Amino acid sequence: MKLLWTADLKMNTVHVRDVCRAIWCLGTRPDTNRAVYNVVDEADSTQGSLAELVADIFKINHDYYGTAISTLAKNDIASVAEEANDKHLTAWADVCRKYSLQHTPLEPSAGAELLLNRQLCLDGSKVRQLLPLDVPRPTVENLKEVLEDYASMNLFPKELLL
């Protein structure tokens, strides 16, 4: 798997369980009315740390194009996204057919704007003062749990869970 930019591109993450808890907590407290809270974990995740998790789960290698080539690709990012999406969506459609996944909402595609060199690094300390996170950072185990949940609903092939 080859990715644009570099491993140090910031990408905030948060577990859905913590999002739900934050919605409930913030929605039921009068003192949080009309305030802005960034619901992100404390992992300080990067494209590299997340790619490592995916590589560990699926036993794949990953590398980066780096800044120079990625900057050139940025000039026609819509075409780059379309080409990457075509490649991945075709492979995903084959997987879905092979394992009889007929109605999965999962798809390996990304909009062009998600491929740009934009750091996503929000400060979640305000919400963490009110609510400690159950899942402070993504782990292989957390991601496998999500995939196993999808597999139990026939949305992801059980056979691909290594």
C-alpha atoms as a PDB file:
ATOM      1  CA  MET A   1       0.000   0.000   0.000  1.00  0.00           C
ATOM      2  CA  LYS A   2       1.559   3.286  -1.068  1.00  0.00           C
ATOM      3  CA  LEU A   3       0.242   6.507   0.458  1.00  0.00           C
ATOM      4  CA  LEU A   4       0.555  10.157  -0.463  1.00  0.00           C
ATOM      5  CA  TRP A   5       2.603  12.529   1.680  1.00  0.00           C
ATOM      6  CA  THR A   6       4.539  11.195   4.666  1.00  0.00           C
ATOM      7  CA  ALA A   7       4.011   9.126   7.792  1.00  0.00           C
ATOM      8  CA  ASP A   8       3.846  12.193  10.051  1.00  0.00           C
ATOM      9  CA  LEU A   9       0.604  13.625   8.582  1.00  0.00           C
ATOM     10  CA  LYS A  10      -1.650  14.232  11.620  1.00  0.00           C
ATOM     11  CA  MET A  11      -5.018  12.448  11.684  1.00  0.00           C
ATOM     12  CA  ASN A  12      -7.216  12.613  14.765  1.00  0.00           C
ATOM     13  CA  THR A  13      -9.168   9.517  15.701  1.00  0.00           C
ATOM     14  CA  VAL A  14     -11.892   8.633  18.175  1.00  0.00           C
ATOM     15  CA  HIS A  15     -13.762   5.430  18.961  1.00  0.00           C
ATOM     16  CA  VAL A  16     -17.491   5.454  18.222  1.00  0.00           C
ATOM     17  CA  ARG A  17     -18.167   4.373  21.802  1.00  0.00           C
ATOM     18  CA  ASP A  18     -16.517   7.577  23.033  1.00  0.00           C
ATOM     19  CA  VAL A  19     -18.431   9.690  20.501  1.00  0.00           C
ATOM     20  CA  CYS A  20     -21.719   8.262  21.783  1.00  0.00           C
ATOM     21  CA  ARG A  21     -20.709   8.806  25.406  1.00  0.00           C
ATOM     22  CA  ALA A  22     -19.680  12.398  24.636  1.00  0.00           C
ATOM     23  CA  ILE A  23     -22.974  13.141  22.864  1.00  0.00           C
ATOM     24  CA  TRP A  24     -24.898  11.809  25.838  1.00  0.00           C
ATOM     25  CA  CYS A  25     -22.769  13.583  28.430  1.00  0.00           C
ATOM     26  CA  LEU A  26     -22.672  16.934  26.641  1.00  0.00           C
ATOM     27  CA  GLY A  27     -26.323  16.765  25.620  1.00  0.00           C
ATOM     28  CA  THR A  28     -27.570  16.242  29.158  1.00  0.00           C
ATOM     29  CA  ARG A  29     -25.515  18.927  30.909  1.00  0.00           C
ATOM     30  CA  PRO A  30     -26.867  22.494  30.962  1.00  0.00           C
ATOM     31  CA  ASP A  31     -23.360  23.916  31.447  1.00  0.00           C
ATOM     32  CA  THR A  32     -22.228  22.533  28.060  1.00  0.00           C
ATOM     33  CA  ASN A  33     -25.012  24.211  26.089  1.00  0.00           C
ATOM     34  CA  ARG A  34     -23.705  26.213  23.097  1.00  0.00           C
ATOM     35  CA  ALA A  35     -20.090  25.304  23.779  1.00  0.00           C
ATOM     36  CA  VAL A  36     -17.811  23.659  21.221  1.00  0.00           C
ATOM     37  CA  TYR A  37     -16.101  20.384  22.119  1.00  0.00           C
ATOM     38  CA  ASN A  38     -13.625  18.514  19.949  1.00  0.00           C
ATOM     39  CA  VAL A  39     -14.269  14.824  20.541  1.00  0.00           C
ATOM     40  CA  VAL A  40     -10.937  13.241  19.657  1.00  0.00           C
ATOM     41  CA  ASP A  41      -8.803  10.692  21.438  1.00  0.00           C
ATOM     42  CA  GLU A  42      -5.437  11.453  22.980  1.00  0.00           C
ATOM     43  CA  ALA A  43      -3.445   9.235  20.623  1.00  0.00           C
ATOM     44  CA  ASP A  44      -1.857  12.011  18.543  1.00  0.00           C
ATOM     45  CA  SER A  45      -2.366   9.654  15.577  1.00  0.00           C
ATOM     46  CA  THR A  46      -0.619  10.104  12.272  1.00  0.00           C
ATOM     47  CA  GLN A  47      -1.013   8.581   8.847  1.00  0.00           C
ATOM     48  CA  GLY A  48       1.986   6.434   9.779  1.00  0.00           C
ATOM     49  CA  SER A  49       0.627   5.149  13.090  1.00  0.00           C
ATOM     50  CA  LEU A  50      -2.719   4.277  11.497  1.00  0.00           C
ATOM     51  CA  ALA A  51      -1.066   2.645   8.475  1.00  0.00           C
ATOM     52  CA  GLU A  52       0.985   0.505  10.888  1.00  0.00           C
ATOM     53  CA  LEU A  53      -2.217  -0.755  12.523  1.00  0.00           C
ATOM     54  CA  VAL A  54      -3.799  -1.610   9.158  1.00  0.00           C
ATOM     55  CA  ALA A  55      -0.573  -3.259   7.991  1.00  0.00           C
ATOM     56  CA  ASP A  56      -0.462  -5.366  11.169  1.00  0.00           C
ATOM     57  CA  ILE A  57      -4.066  -6.496  10.773  1.00  0.00           C
ATOM     58  CA  PHE A  58      -3.933  -7.389   7.081  1.00  0.00           C
ATOM     59  CA  LYS A  59      -0.241  -8.355   6.893  1.00  0.00           C
ATOM     60  CA  ILE A  60       0.510  -5.835   4.155  1.00  0.00           C
ATOM     61  CA  ASN A  61       3.436  -3.526   3.524  1.00  0.00           C
ATOM     62  CA  HIS A  62       3.074   0.212   3.210  1.00  0.00           C
ATOM     63  CA  ASP A  63       5.227   3.076   2.019  1.00  0.00           C
ATOM     64  CA  TYR A  64       4.858   6.758   1.158  1.00  0.00           C
ATOM     65  CA  TYR A  65       5.317   8.746  -2.021  1.00  0.00           C
ATOM     66  CA  GLY A  66       6.802  11.618  -0.030  1.00  0.00           C
ATOM     67  CA  THR A  67       6.316  15.336  -0.353  1.00  0.00           C
ATOM     68  CA  ALA A  68       7.760  15.960  -3.834  1.00  0.00           C
ATOM     69  CA  ILE A  69       5.664  13.408  -5.739  1.00  0.00           C
ATOM     70  CA  SER A  70       2.599  14.114  -3.588  1.00  0.00           C
ATOM     71  CA  THR A  71       2.878  17.842  -4.346  1.00  0.00           C
ATOM     72  CA  LEU A  72       2.865  17.038  -8.059  1.00  0.00           C
ATOM     73  CA  ALA A  73      -0.155  14.764  -7.566  1.00  0.00           C
ATOM     74  CA  LYS A  74      -1.942  17.598  -5.736  1.00  0.00           C
ATOM     75  CA  ASN A  75      -2.165  19.517  -9.028  1.00  0.00           C
ATOM     76  CA  ASP A  76      -4.600  16.896 -10.323  1.00  0.00           C
ATOM     77  CA  ILE A  77      -5.828  15.382  -7.070  1.00  0.00           C
ATOM     78  CA  ALA A  78      -9.283  14.626  -8.485  1.00  0.00           C
ATOM     79  CA  SER A  79      -7.754  12.305 -11.103  1.00  0.00           C
ATOM     80  CA  VAL A  80      -5.454  10.724  -8.518  1.00  0.00           C
ATOM     81  CA  ALA A  81      -8.449  10.028  -6.262  1.00  0.00           C
ATOM     82  CA  GLU A  82     -10.496   8.669  -9.158  1.00  0.00           C
ATOM     83  CA  GLU A  83      -7.711   6.317 -10.241  1.00  0.00           C
ATOM     84  CA  ALA A  84      -7.090   5.058  -6.694  1.00  0.00           C
ATOM     85  CA  ASN A  85     -10.819   4.648  -6.036  1.00  0.00           C
ATOM     86  CA  ASP A  86     -11.344   2.742  -9.297  1.00  0.00           C
ATOM     87  CA  LYS A  87      -8.528   0.360  -8.376  1.00  0.00           C
ATOM     88  CA  HIS A  88      -9.772  -0.240  -4.831  1.00  0.00           C
ATOM     89  CA  LEU A  89     -13.493  -0.319  -5.615  1.00  0.00           C
ATOM     90  CA  THR A  90     -12.948  -2.919  -8.342  1.00  0.00           C
ATOM     91  CA  ALA A  91     -10.983  -5.122  -5.949  1.00  0.00           C
ATOM     92  CA  TRP A  92     -13.605  -4.596  -3.211  1.00  0.00           C
ATOM     93  CA  ALA A  93     -16.423  -5.537  -5.612  1.00  0.00           C
ATOM     94  CA  ASP A  94     -14.544  -8.767  -6.404  1.00  0.00           C
ATOM     95  CA  VAL A  95     -14.173  -9.497  -2.672  1.00  0.00           C
ATOM     96  CA  CYS A  96     -17.880  -8.809  -2.093  1.00  0.00           C
ATOM     97  CA  ARG A  97     -18.836 -11.202  -4.904  1.00  0.00           C
ATOM     98  CA  LYS A  98     -16.406 -13.885  -3.759  1.00  0.00           C
ATOM     99  CA  TYR A  99     -17.700 -13.838  -0.174  1.00  0.00           C
ATOM    100  CA  SER A 100     -21.364 -13.119  -0.990  1.00  0.00           C
ATOM    101  CA  LEU A 101     -21.529  -9.701   0.656  1.00  0.00           C
ATOM    102  CA  GLN A 102     -24.578  -8.274  -1.022  1.00  0.00           C
ATOM    103  CA  HIS A 103     -25.460  -5.133   0.919  1.00  0.00           C
ATOM    104  CA  THR A 104     -22.386  -3.821   2.679  1.00  0.00           C
ATOM    105  CA  PRO A 105     -22.128  -0.067   3.272  1.00  0.00           C
ATOM    106  CA  LEU A 106     -18.348  -0.398   3.501  1.00  0.00           C
ATOM    107  CA  GLU A 107     -16.300   0.766   0.564  1.00  0.00           C
ATOM    108  CA  PRO A 108     -12.619   1.616   0.153  1.00  0.00           C
ATOM    109  CA  SER A 109     -12.854   5.043  -1.423  1.00  0.00           C
ATOM    110  CA  ALA A 110     -11.861   8.565  -0.509  1.00  0.00           C
ATOM    111  CA  GLY A 111     -12.828  11.961  -1.818  1.00  0.00           C
ATOM    112  CA  ALA A 112     -10.096  14.059  -3.384  1.00  0.00           C
ATOM    113  CA  GLU A 113     -10.151  16.519  -0.475  1.00  0.00           C
ATOM    114  CA  LEU A 114      -9.171  13.705   1.908  1.00  0.00           C
ATOM    115  CA  LEU A 115      -5.982  13.073  -0.066  1.00  0.00           C
ATOM    116  CA  LEU A 116      -4.632  16.588   0.347  1.00  0.00           C
ATOM    117  CA  ASN A 117      -1.817  17.415   2.762  1.00  0.00           C
ATOM    118  CA  ARG A 118      -4.071  18.723   5.504  1.00  0.00           C
ATOM    119  CA  GLN A 119      -3.168  18.017   9.093  1.00  0.00           C
ATOM    120  CA  LEU A 120      -6.140  17.129  11.284  1.00  0.00           C
ATOM    121  CA  CYS A 121      -5.007  17.824  14.797  1.00  0.00           C
ATOM    122  CA  LEU A 122      -7.714  19.021  17.189  1.00  0.00           C
ATOM    123  CA  ASP A 123      -7.388  19.626  20.919  1.00  0.00           C
ATOM    124  CA  GLY A 124      -9.750  17.301  22.779  1.00  0.00           C
ATOM    125  CA  SER A 125      -8.678  18.252  26.303  1.00  0.00           C
ATOM    126  CA  LYS A 126     -11.874  20.229  27.007  1.00  0.00           C
ATOM    127  CA  VAL A 127     -14.152  17.218  26.575  1.00  0.00           C
ATOM    128  CA  ARG A 128     -11.705  14.940  28.413  1.00  0.00           C
ATOM    129  CA  GLN A 129     -12.027  17.166  31.499  1.00  0.00           C
ATOM    130  CA  LEU A 130     -15.692  16.137  31.658  1.00  0.00           C
ATOM    131  CA  LEU A 131     -15.433  12.607  30.352  1.00  0.00           C
ATOM    132  CA  PRO A 132     -12.417  10.292  30.331  1.00  0.00           C
ATOM    133  CA  LEU A 133     -12.269   8.241  27.152  1.00  0.00           C
ATOM    134  CA  ASP A 134     -12.895   4.486  27.208  1.00  0.00           C
ATOM    135  CA  VAL A 135     -10.623   4.051  24.194  1.00  0.00           C
ATOM    136  CA  PRO A 136      -7.752   6.551  24.455  1.00  0.00           C
ATOM    137  CA  ARG A 137      -6.029   5.403  21.245  1.00  0.00           C
ATOM    138  CA  PRO A 138      -6.624   3.041  18.335  1.00  0.00           C
ATOM    139  CA  THR A 139      -5.064  -0.395  18.669  1.00  0.00           C
ATOM    140  CA  VAL A 140      -4.962  -3.518  16.545  1.00  0.00           C
ATOM    141  CA  GLU A 141      -7.378  -5.113  19.015  1.00  0.00           C
ATOM    142  CA  ASN A 142      -9.868  -2.212  18.764  1.00  0.00           C
ATOM    143  CA  LEU A 143      -9.813  -2.261  14.975  1.00  0.00           C
ATOM    144  CA  LYS A 144     -10.173  -6.051  14.861  1.00  0.00           C
ATOM    145  CA  GLU A 145     -13.164  -5.748  17.190  1.00  0.00           C
ATOM    146  CA  VAL A 146     -14.834  -3.391  14.703  1.00  0.00           C
ATOM    147  CA  LEU A 147     -14.031  -5.692  11.775  1.00  0.00           C
ATOM    148  CA  GLU A 148     -15.357  -8.708  13.671  1.00  0.00           C
ATOM    149  CA  ASP A 149     -18.553  -6.784  14.375  1.00  0.00           C
ATOM    150  CA  TYR A 150     -18.902  -6.005  10.658  1.00  0.00           C
ATOM    151  CA  ALA A 151     -18.205  -9.657   9.833  1.00  0.00           C
ATOM    152  CA  SER A 152     -20.907 -10.816  12.267  1.00  0.00           C
ATOM    153  CA  MET A 153     -23.402  -8.674  10.310  1.00  0.00           C
ATOM    154  CA  ASN A 154     -22.120 -10.048   6.976  1.00  0.00           C
ATOM    155  CA  LEU A 155     -20.748  -6.626   6.006  1.00  0.00           C
ATOM    156  CA  PHE A 156     -17.104  -7.714   5.907  1.00  0.00           C
ATOM    157  CA  PRO A 157     -15.720 -11.152   4.962  1.00  0.00           C
ATOM    158  CA  LYS A 158     -14.820 -13.277   7.982  1.00  0.00           C
ATOM    159  CA  GLU A 159     -12.193 -14.956   5.812  1.00  0.00           C
ATOM    160  CA  LEU A 160     -10.140 -11.756   5.622  1.00  0.00           C
ATOM    161  CA  LEU A 161      -9.765 -11.533   9.391  1.00  0.00           C
ATOM    162  CA  LEU A 162      -6.299 -12.980   9.920  1.00  0.00           C
END
